[in-house]
Amino acid sequence: MSIMPDSWIKKMAKENNMIQPFADEQKKNGVISFGVSSYGYDARVSDEFKVFTNVNNALVDPKNFSEESFIERKADSCIIPPNSFVLARTVEYFKIPRDVLVICLGKSTYARCGIIVNVTPLEPEWEGHVTLEFSNTTPLPARVYANEGACQFLFLKGDIACDISYLERSGKYMGQRGVTLPKL
């Protein structure tokens, strides 16, 4: 298994629509950087946010998720309350090749502010907007900026393709658009 370089990412984005829209170089003037890097792709967070709140005294239950658990926001930035959590999504839509697994890591700019980005792996032949989970680990409110870099995706190419892909398993998050809530 190998990590794939910028040349492969650019080729796959252009020829196979692996990432749309695609920034073929790092954009960083006055924004948190996004676009292709040496061995990854820094994706942007969209302007759609779901901020968790306790206003309705809802219980967070992955088997019975209540939409009363959050407040929806569409804005240029989002304030995450102290020790709280926000769901968002990438601007980019991903189409993962059959022989590739994608791992996501948070950007150092946010990590150094106590904002952690969590994303589960993007499996072979999965496609969609990636739902991003932002945790504010600080006792202070924290801001996340829409349409700027949020996390970096690393593309790991297997020596051989998998026997059964996410598409063939009929994965429940296949083709997701927008911020997608937990499904059972």
Protein backbone atom coordinates (compact mmCIF):
# COMPACT_ATOMS: atom_id res chain seq x y z
CA MET A 1 0.00 0.00 0.00
CA SER A 2 1.35 3.42 -0.97
CA ILE A 3 0.40 7.00 -0.20
CA MET A 4 -0.37 8.80 -3.44
CA PRO A 5 1.41 12.01 -4.52
CA ASP A 6 0.09 15.30 -5.88
CA SER A 7 0.54 14.20 -9.53
CA TRP A 8 -1.75 11.17 -9.00
CA ILE A 9 -4.34 13.25 -7.09
CA LYS A 10 -4.42 15.84 -9.91
CA LYS A 11 -4.74 13.14 -12.57
CA MET A 12 -7.57 11.34 -10.74
CA ALA A 13 -9.41 14.60 -10.03
CA LYS A 14 -9.28 15.68 -13.68
CA GLU A 15 -9.76 12.34 -15.46
CA ASN A 16 -12.09 10.54 -13.02
CA ASN A 17 -13.78 13.45 -11.19
CA MET A 18 -12.43 12.08 -7.89
CA ILE A 19 -12.73 15.53 -6.26
CA GLN A 20 -15.18 18.20 -7.46
CA PRO A 21 -14.68 21.13 -7.32
CA PHE A 22 -10.90 20.65 -7.36
CA ALA A 23 -8.17 23.19 -6.50
CA ASP A 24 -5.02 22.01 -8.31
CA GLU A 25 -2.69 24.07 -6.10
CA GLN A 26 -2.59 25.25 -2.49
CA LYS A 27 -4.70 28.35 -1.93
CA LYS A 28 -3.51 30.14 1.19
CA ASN A 29 -3.50 33.93 0.83
CA GLY A 30 -5.61 35.22 3.73
CA VAL A 31 -7.43 31.89 4.21
CA ILE A 32 -6.81 28.60 5.97
CA SER A 33 -5.14 26.69 3.14
CA PHE A 34 -6.95 24.28 0.84
CA GLY A 35 -6.21 22.40 -2.37
CA VAL A 36 -3.74 19.76 -3.44
CA SER A 37 -0.58 19.35 -1.36
CA SER A 38 2.47 17.10 -1.77
CA TYR A 39 0.71 13.93 -0.60
CA GLY A 40 -2.87 14.92 0.09
CA TYR A 41 -5.79 17.19 -0.53
CA ASP A 42 -6.88 19.89 1.93
CA ALA A 43 -10.67 20.07 1.70
CA ARG A 44 -12.85 23.04 2.58
CA VAL A 45 -15.76 23.16 4.98
CA SER A 46 -19.02 24.40 3.45
CA ASP A 47 -21.27 27.09 4.94
CA GLU A 48 -23.76 24.52 6.31
CA PHE A 49 -23.46 23.78 10.04
CA LYS A 50 -25.42 21.80 12.61
CA VAL A 51 -24.50 23.06 16.09
CA PHE A 52 -25.30 20.71 18.96
CA THR A 53 -27.36 22.30 21.71
CA ASN A 54 -29.09 21.29 24.92
CA VAL A 55 -31.94 23.78 24.46
CA ASN A 56 -34.52 21.03 23.90
CA ASN A 57 -33.00 18.63 26.45
CA ALA A 58 -32.64 16.00 23.70
CA LEU A 59 -30.61 12.83 24.17
CA VAL A 60 -27.90 12.05 21.60
CA ASP A 61 -28.59 8.44 20.61
CA PRO A 62 -26.98 7.01 17.44
CA LYS A 63 -29.80 4.44 17.11
CA ASN A 64 -32.56 7.03 17.51
CA PHE A 65 -31.07 10.38 16.55
CA SER A 66 -33.26 13.40 17.21
CA GLU A 67 -33.01 16.51 15.05
CA GLU A 68 -33.81 18.48 18.23
CA SER A 69 -30.17 17.87 19.20
CA PHE A 70 -28.87 20.73 17.07
CA ILE A 71 -29.53 24.12 15.52
CA GLU A 72 -28.90 24.60 11.79
CA ARG A 73 -26.79 27.53 10.59
CA LYS A 74 -25.80 28.71 7.11
CA ALA A 75 -23.05 31.30 7.49
CA ASP A 76 -19.52 32.42 6.56
CA SER A 77 -18.32 31.04 9.89
CA CYS A 78 -19.64 29.06 12.82
CA ILE A 79 -19.04 29.56 16.53
CA ILE A 80 -18.65 26.26 18.36
CA PRO A 81 -19.63 26.62 22.02
CA PRO A 82 -17.06 25.62 24.67
CA ASN A 83 -16.60 21.85 25.01
CA SER A 84 -19.15 21.32 22.25
CA PHE A 85 -19.55 19.84 18.81
CA VAL A 86 -20.63 20.84 15.28
CA LEU A 87 -21.43 18.81 12.17
CA ALA A 88 -20.57 20.28 8.78
CA ARG A 89 -19.62 18.98 5.32
CA THR A 90 -16.95 19.44 2.72
CA VAL A 91 -17.44 21.78 -0.22
CA GLU A 92 -15.90 19.02 -2.33
CA TYR A 93 -17.74 15.91 -3.52
CA PHE A 94 -15.49 12.82 -3.53
CA LYS A 95 -15.59 9.66 -5.68
CA ILE A 96 -13.12 7.15 -4.27
CA PRO A 97 -11.52 4.58 -6.63
CA ARG A 98 -11.99 0.87 -5.90
CA ASP A 99 -8.33 0.30 -4.90
CA VAL A 100 -8.04 3.35 -2.61
CA LEU A 101 -8.77 4.03 1.06
CA VAL A 102 -8.76 7.66 2.23
CA ILE A 103 -7.76 8.79 5.71
CA CYS A 104 -8.54 12.28 7.03
CA LEU A 105 -6.48 14.35 9.45
CA GLY A 106 -7.24 17.76 10.94
CA LYS A 107 -5.39 20.91 9.90
CA SER A 108 -2.73 22.16 12.29
CA THR A 109 -4.22 25.67 12.29
CA TYR A 110 -7.39 24.35 13.93
CA ALA A 111 -5.63 21.72 16.08
CA ARG A 112 -3.47 24.44 17.64
CA CYS A 113 -6.68 26.21 18.66
CA GLY A 114 -8.13 23.11 20.32
CA ILE A 115 -10.49 22.34 17.42
CA ILE A 116 -10.41 18.68 16.47
CA VAL A 117 -11.72 17.42 13.11
CA ASN A 118 -12.90 13.82 13.01
CA VAL A 119 -13.82 11.90 9.88
CA THR A 120 -14.06 8.15 9.41
CA PRO A 121 -12.14 6.62 6.47
CA LEU A 122 -13.53 7.05 2.96
CA GLU A 123 -13.85 3.48 1.72
CA PRO A 124 -13.25 2.08 -1.77
CA GLU A 125 -15.98 3.18 -4.22
CA TRP A 126 -17.68 5.46 -1.70
CA GLU A 127 -18.84 8.82 -3.00
CA GLY A 128 -20.44 11.93 -1.55
CA HIS A 129 -19.89 15.07 0.47
CA VAL A 130 -17.87 14.20 3.54
CA THR A 131 -19.61 14.94 6.83
CA LEU A 132 -17.10 16.65 9.11
CA GLU A 133 -17.23 16.51 12.90
CA PHE A 134 -15.65 19.48 14.69
CA SER A 135 -15.05 19.28 18.45
CA ASN A 136 -14.14 22.36 20.46
CA THR A 137 -12.00 20.98 23.29
CA THR A 138 -11.45 24.38 24.90
CA PRO A 139 -13.42 26.18 27.63
CA LEU A 140 -13.84 29.11 25.18
CA PRO A 141 -16.03 29.60 22.10
CA ALA A 142 -14.17 28.74 18.88
CA ARG A 143 -14.74 29.78 15.25
CA VAL A 144 -14.63 27.63 12.09
CA TYR A 145 -14.49 29.43 8.71
CA ALA A 146 -16.64 28.34 5.77
CA ASN A 147 -15.07 27.88 2.33
CA GLU A 148 -11.60 27.54 3.86
CA GLY A 149 -9.41 24.52 4.60
CA ALA A 150 -10.65 22.21 7.35
CA CYS A 151 -8.82 18.89 6.99
CA GLN A 152 -6.41 16.93 4.84
CA PHE A 153 -7.28 13.71 2.99
CA LEU A 154 -4.52 11.16 2.38
CA PHE A 155 -5.03 8.63 -0.43
CA LEU A 156 -3.71 5.12 0.25
CA LYS A 157 -3.63 2.90 -2.84
CA GLY A 158 -3.80 -0.84 -2.23
CA ASP A 159 -1.56 -3.27 -4.06
CA ILE A 160 -4.72 -5.01 -5.28
CA ALA A 161 -8.39 -3.96 -5.32
CA CYS A 162 -10.69 -5.13 -2.53
CA ASP A 163 -13.07 -8.04 -3.06
CA ILE A 164 -16.16 -6.08 -1.92
CA SER A 165 -16.37 -2.27 -2.08
CA TYR A 166 -18.57 0.16 -0.17
CA LEU A 167 -20.76 0.47 -3.27
CA GLU A 168 -21.25 -3.30 -3.48
CA ARG A 169 -22.10 -3.49 0.25
CA SER A 170 -24.77 -0.84 -0.35
CA GLY A 171 -23.26 1.35 2.37
CA LYS A 172 -25.81 3.55 4.12
CA TYR A 173 -23.88 6.78 3.52
CA MET A 174 -23.38 6.24 -0.23
CA GLY A 175 -23.97 9.36 -2.35
CA GLN A 176 -24.64 11.63 0.63
CA ARG A 177 -25.17 15.29 -0.07
CA GLY A 178 -25.20 17.99 2.57
CA VAL A 179 -24.57 17.38 6.26
CA THR A 180 -25.66 13.78 6.85
CA LEU A 181 -26.91 12.67 10.25
CA PRO A 182 -26.32 9.23 11.84
CA LYS A 183 -28.20 6.32 10.25
CA LEU A 184 -28.81 2.85 11.60
